[in-house]
């Protein structure tokens, strides 16, 4: 008689590294503490939103997380790799759209994306094909041979995004990617990013538009005064309220507009 089957073994826990891990990040500028010991884990394959008021430390945190600014203390890991111990390896996994991006704007849009791809070690033929695809997807084909210095703010943002993704990175870190971008282009960018995440990539996006983050992201972190106030899935963080209401509750600072009675037209 065969022995009775034993209990099924529990499935092994996933050992895949997080897309991005920040551990104890600190940064001071003179006497001002911009980031005060931030800990954050971004799961691989997530669409992660980072929200906070102006001066909260979002951009400083993202700059340290992507190798643009060295932290005073703390550790950054990109897919398990220590970014500051091996910055070349860590940065090769990242695509970055930083705040206030500075570009080689005396190149044409096409030349700039080509240059970005070649810097990442891609073959020229591969870069040329990807550049054409990106310019078409971002509605920049007609301006491919226009100098970037002549681009509008929205076009500049889009060409910078093309430079960030031409090498097909594993993790995209985008600081205000929709700022100054028209609604049609914004919809196209959202579709590109959603498809990228569906294929296994990870997107980390900083934005002030709460409705956009709530609709687009599956995870979110609220940062204020250099601290993480809440982090988790969007539903966990908003706790039954809208993300905007929850954000205001966590951050505070909503003004009633008192003292502006002179602005009311009925007072004339």
Protein backbone atom coordinates (compact mmCIF):
# COMPACT_ATOMS: atom_id res chain seq x y z
CA UNK A 1 0.00 0.00 0.00
CA UNK A 2 1.59 3.26 -1.04
CA UNK A 3 2.27 5.78 1.72
CA UNK A 4 -0.20 8.60 2.13
CA UNK A 5 0.93 11.74 0.38
CA UNK A 6 2.48 14.30 2.69
CA UNK A 7 1.48 17.95 2.84
CA UNK A 8 2.36 19.99 -0.18
CA UNK A 9 5.52 21.99 0.22
CA UNK A 10 4.93 25.72 0.50
CA UNK A 11 6.11 27.62 -2.57
CA UNK A 12 9.56 29.10 -2.12
CA UNK A 13 9.61 32.80 -1.36
CA UNK A 14 10.79 34.98 -4.20
CA UNK A 15 14.43 35.93 -3.89
CA UNK A 16 14.37 38.43 -6.76
CA UNK A 17 16.01 41.69 -5.66
CA UNK A 18 14.03 44.88 -5.42
CA UNK A 19 14.34 47.27 -8.35
CA UNK A 20 15.57 49.99 -6.00
CA UNK A 21 16.46 49.99 -2.31
CA UNK A 22 17.32 53.12 -0.34
CA UNK A 23 18.69 52.51 3.14
CA UNK A 24 19.34 55.32 5.60
CA UNK A 25 19.94 58.04 3.00
CA UNK A 26 20.99 61.41 4.42
CA UNK A 27 21.92 64.62 2.68
CA UNK A 28 22.68 68.08 4.08
CA UNK A 29 23.34 71.32 2.23
CA UNK A 30 25.09 73.49 4.76
CA UNK A 31 22.86 73.61 7.85
CA UNK A 32 19.77 72.41 5.95
CA UNK A 33 18.89 68.73 6.12
CA UNK A 34 17.31 67.88 2.75
CA UNK A 35 16.94 64.13 3.29
CA UNK A 36 16.84 62.66 6.80
CA UNK A 37 17.42 58.92 6.77
CA UNK A 38 15.08 57.75 4.03
CA UNK A 39 14.35 54.03 3.72
CA UNK A 40 12.39 52.89 0.68
CA UNK A 41 11.97 49.65 -1.27
CA UNK A 42 10.63 49.70 -4.82
CA UNK A 43 9.48 46.22 -5.96
CA UNK A 44 10.69 45.04 -9.35
CA UNK A 45 7.97 45.33 -12.00
CA UNK A 46 6.09 48.08 -10.18
CA UNK A 47 4.91 51.49 -11.34
CA UNK A 48 5.98 53.52 -8.30
CA UNK A 49 4.90 57.09 -7.62
CA UNK A 50 6.85 59.49 -5.42
CA UNK A 51 4.84 62.46 -4.19
CA UNK A 52 5.50 65.32 -1.80
CA UNK A 53 5.29 69.09 -1.43
CA UNK A 54 7.90 71.44 -2.84
CA UNK A 55 11.14 71.13 -0.90
CA UNK A 56 10.19 67.70 0.48
CA UNK A 57 13.43 66.03 -0.63
CA UNK A 58 12.07 64.07 -3.61
CA UNK A 59 14.52 65.36 -6.19
CA UNK A 60 17.47 65.08 -3.79
CA UNK A 61 16.48 61.49 -2.98
CA UNK A 62 16.15 60.57 -6.66
CA UNK A 63 19.48 62.25 -7.45
CA UNK A 64 21.20 60.11 -4.79
CA UNK A 65 19.31 57.01 -5.96
CA UNK A 66 20.57 57.41 -9.54
CA UNK A 67 24.19 58.34 -8.95
CA UNK A 68 23.85 62.05 -9.69
CA UNK A 69 24.46 63.16 -6.09
CA UNK A 70 26.56 61.36 -3.50
CA UNK A 71 24.75 60.84 -0.18
CA UNK A 72 26.36 61.88 3.09
CA UNK A 73 25.30 58.52 4.56
CA UNK A 74 23.33 55.52 3.41
CA UNK A 75 23.17 52.88 0.72
CA UNK A 76 21.51 52.55 -2.68
CA UNK A 77 20.98 49.22 -4.40
CA UNK A 78 19.73 48.83 -7.98
CA UNK A 79 18.47 45.28 -8.60
CA UNK A 80 20.78 44.13 -5.82
CA UNK A 81 23.86 46.03 -7.01
CA UNK A 82 25.43 48.62 -4.71
CA UNK A 83 25.22 51.77 -6.84
CA UNK A 84 27.95 53.72 -5.10
CA UNK A 85 30.33 50.76 -4.79
CA UNK A 86 30.04 49.99 -8.54
CA UNK A 87 28.45 53.03 -10.21
CA UNK A 88 29.15 51.89 -13.78
CA UNK A 89 27.22 48.64 -13.29
CA UNK A 90 24.45 50.30 -11.31
CA UNK A 91 23.93 53.13 -13.78
CA UNK A 92 23.87 50.73 -16.74
CA UNK A 93 20.61 49.34 -15.31
CA UNK A 94 18.99 52.76 -15.02
CA UNK A 95 17.28 55.18 -17.36
CA UNK A 96 17.12 58.65 -15.85
CA UNK A 97 15.08 61.78 -16.56
CA UNK A 98 16.33 64.21 -13.89
CA UNK A 99 14.77 67.45 -12.74
CA UNK A 100 15.99 70.49 -14.71
CA UNK A 101 17.69 68.23 -17.22
CA UNK A 102 20.63 69.80 -19.07
CA UNK A 103 21.15 68.54 -22.61
CA UNK A 104 23.68 68.99 -25.38
CA UNK A 105 21.21 71.31 -27.06
CA UNK A 106 23.43 72.21 -30.03
CA UNK A 107 22.75 68.74 -31.37
CA UNK A 108 19.60 67.89 -33.28
CA UNK A 109 17.03 65.71 -31.55
CA UNK A 110 18.08 62.74 -33.66
CA UNK A 111 21.78 63.30 -32.93
CA UNK A 112 21.13 63.62 -29.21
CA UNK A 113 19.29 60.29 -28.92
CA UNK A 114 21.92 58.62 -31.11
CA UNK A 115 24.65 60.00 -28.86
CA UNK A 116 22.89 58.70 -25.73
CA UNK A 117 22.59 55.22 -27.22
CA UNK A 118 26.22 55.10 -28.35
CA UNK A 119 27.36 56.19 -24.88
CA UNK A 120 25.61 53.11 -23.52
CA UNK A 121 27.63 50.90 -25.88
CA UNK A 122 24.93 50.02 -28.40
CA UNK A 123 25.80 49.26 -32.01
CA UNK A 124 25.22 52.21 -34.36
CA UNK A 125 22.65 50.30 -36.44
CA UNK A 126 20.71 49.36 -33.31
CA UNK A 127 20.79 52.94 -32.03
CA UNK A 128 19.63 54.31 -35.39
CA UNK A 129 16.64 51.95 -35.49
CA UNK A 130 15.67 52.66 -31.87
CA UNK A 131 16.06 56.41 -32.36
CA UNK A 132 13.67 56.34 -35.32
CA UNK A 133 11.16 54.30 -33.26
CA UNK A 134 11.36 56.68 -30.29
CA UNK A 135 11.05 59.84 -32.37
CA UNK A 136 7.94 58.40 -34.03
CA UNK A 137 6.39 57.25 -30.73
CA UNK A 138 6.97 60.69 -29.15
CA UNK A 139 5.75 62.62 -32.20
CA UNK A 140 9.18 64.17 -32.84
CA UNK A 141 9.95 62.76 -36.28
CA UNK A 142 9.20 66.08 -37.95
CA UNK A 143 11.69 67.81 -35.62
CA UNK A 144 14.37 65.13 -35.72
CA UNK A 145 16.83 67.44 -37.49
CA UNK A 146 15.98 70.57 -35.51
CA UNK A 147 18.51 71.70 -32.91
CA UNK A 148 17.33 70.88 -29.39
CA UNK A 149 17.99 74.49 -28.34
CA UNK A 150 15.04 75.42 -30.56
CA UNK A 151 12.68 72.90 -28.95
CA UNK A 152 9.80 73.97 -26.72
CA UNK A 153 9.82 72.94 -23.05
CA UNK A 154 7.52 70.00 -23.79
CA UNK A 155 9.58 68.82 -26.76
CA UNK A 156 12.75 69.05 -24.66
CA UNK A 157 11.14 66.88 -22.00
CA UNK A 158 10.18 64.29 -24.62
CA UNK A 159 13.62 64.14 -26.25
CA UNK A 160 15.19 63.76 -22.79
CA UNK A 161 12.84 60.84 -22.15
CA UNK A 162 13.93 59.25 -25.44
CA UNK A 163 17.56 59.54 -24.28
CA UNK A 164 16.62 57.86 -20.99
CA UNK A 165 15.06 54.78 -22.59
CA UNK A 166 17.05 54.25 -25.80
CA UNK A 167 19.26 51.61 -24.12
CA UNK A 168 16.23 49.65 -22.79
CA UNK A 169 17.11 49.97 -19.08
CA UNK A 170 15.69 47.68 -16.40
CA UNK A 171 14.61 50.59 -14.18
CA UNK A 172 13.34 54.02 -15.24
CA UNK A 173 13.55 56.96 -12.81
CA UNK A 174 11.60 59.97 -14.06
CA UNK A 175 11.36 63.29 -12.23
CA UNK A 176 8.21 65.15 -13.34
CA UNK A 177 8.10 63.54 -16.81
CA UNK A 178 4.75 65.13 -17.75
CA UNK A 179 5.63 68.70 -16.84
CA UNK A 180 5.04 71.04 -19.83
CA UNK A 181 3.96 68.09 -22.01
CA UNK A 182 0.70 68.47 -23.96
CA UNK A 183 -2.20 66.08 -23.16
CA UNK A 184 -1.84 63.99 -26.34
CA UNK A 185 1.88 63.46 -25.79
CA UNK A 186 1.27 62.74 -22.10
CA UNK A 187 -1.21 60.01 -23.06
CA UNK A 188 1.35 58.52 -25.46
CA UNK A 189 4.04 58.57 -22.77
CA UNK A 190 1.72 56.88 -20.26
CA UNK A 191 1.01 54.15 -22.81
CA UNK A 192 4.74 53.63 -23.43
CA UNK A 193 5.47 53.42 -19.70
CA UNK A 194 2.53 51.12 -18.97
CA UNK A 195 3.66 48.74 -21.70
CA UNK A 196 7.22 48.88 -20.37
CA UNK A 197 6.06 47.87 -16.87
CA UNK A 198 3.86 45.12 -18.29
CA UNK A 199 6.95 43.66 -19.97
CA UNK A 200 8.82 43.47 -16.64
CA UNK A 201 10.39 46.92 -16.33
CA UNK A 202 10.10 49.18 -13.31
CA UNK A 203 9.11 52.86 -13.40
CA UNK A 204 9.65 55.31 -10.56
CA UNK A 205 7.98 58.63 -11.26
CA UNK A 206 7.91 61.84 -9.25
CA UNK A 207 4.84 64.01 -9.81
CA UNK A 208 2.72 66.69 -8.16
CA UNK A 209 -0.43 65.53 -9.96
CA UNK A 210 -2.16 63.25 -7.46
CA UNK A 211 -4.92 62.11 -9.80
CA UNK A 212 -2.34 61.06 -12.38
CA UNK A 213 -0.35 59.07 -9.80
CA UNK A 214 -3.49 57.42 -8.45
CA UNK A 215 -4.58 56.32 -11.94
CA UNK A 216 -1.16 55.35 -13.26
CA UNK A 217 0.81 53.87 -10.36
CA UNK A 218 0.33 50.70 -8.33
CA UNK A 219 2.65 51.81 -5.49
CA UNK A 220 3.28 55.23 -3.96
CA UNK A 221 5.41 56.89 -1.28
CA UNK A 222 4.65 60.23 0.36
CA UNK A 223 7.74 62.24 1.30
CA UNK A 224 7.86 65.44 3.35
CA UNK A 225 10.66 67.23 5.18
CA UNK A 226 13.14 64.58 4.10
CA UNK A 227 11.16 61.66 5.58
CA UNK A 228 8.93 58.94 4.14
CA UNK A 229 5.51 59.48 5.76
CA UNK A 230 3.76 56.56 4.08
CA UNK A 231 4.64 53.92 1.48
CA UNK A 232 2.95 50.88 -0.02
CA UNK A 233 0.36 50.10 -2.64
CA UNK A 234 -1.78 53.03 -3.71
CA UNK A 235 -4.81 51.52 -1.95
CA UNK A 236 -2.84 51.01 1.26
CA UNK A 237 -1.56 54.59 1.31
CA UNK A 238 -4.83 56.30 0.43
CA UNK A 239 -6.70 54.21 3.02
CA UNK A 240 -10.15 54.57 1.46
CA UNK A 241 -9.81 58.28 0.65
CA UNK A 242 -8.57 59.91 -2.53
CA UNK A 243 -4.80 60.08 -2.78
CA UNK A 244 -4.97 63.88 -2.75
CA UNK A 245 -6.99 63.97 0.48
CA UNK A 246 -4.69 61.43 2.11
CA UNK A 247 -1.66 63.42 0.94
CA UNK A 248 -3.00 66.62 2.50
CA UNK A 249 -3.82 64.74 5.70
CA UNK A 250 -0.26 63.42 5.95
CA UNK A 251 1.56 66.55 4.86
CA UNK A 252 -0.76 69.27 6.19
CA UNK A 253 -0.39 72.89 5.27
CA UNK A 254 -3.70 73.49 3.48
CA UNK A 255 -4.56 77.20 3.60
CA UNK A 256 -8.10 78.56 3.87
CA UNK A 257 -7.33 81.74 1.92
CA UNK A 258 -8.23 83.98 4.83
CA UNK A 259 -6.92 87.53 4.53
CA UNK A 260 -7.59 87.74 0.79
CA UNK A 261 -11.01 89.36 1.06
CA UNK A 262 -9.68 92.21 -1.08
CA UNK A 263 -9.53 89.74 -3.98
CA UNK A 264 -13.30 89.11 -3.94
CA UNK A 265 -14.98 90.99 -6.77
CA UNK A 266 -18.13 91.38 -4.69
CA UNK A 267 -16.24 93.69 -2.30
CA UNK A 268 -15.98 96.41 -4.97
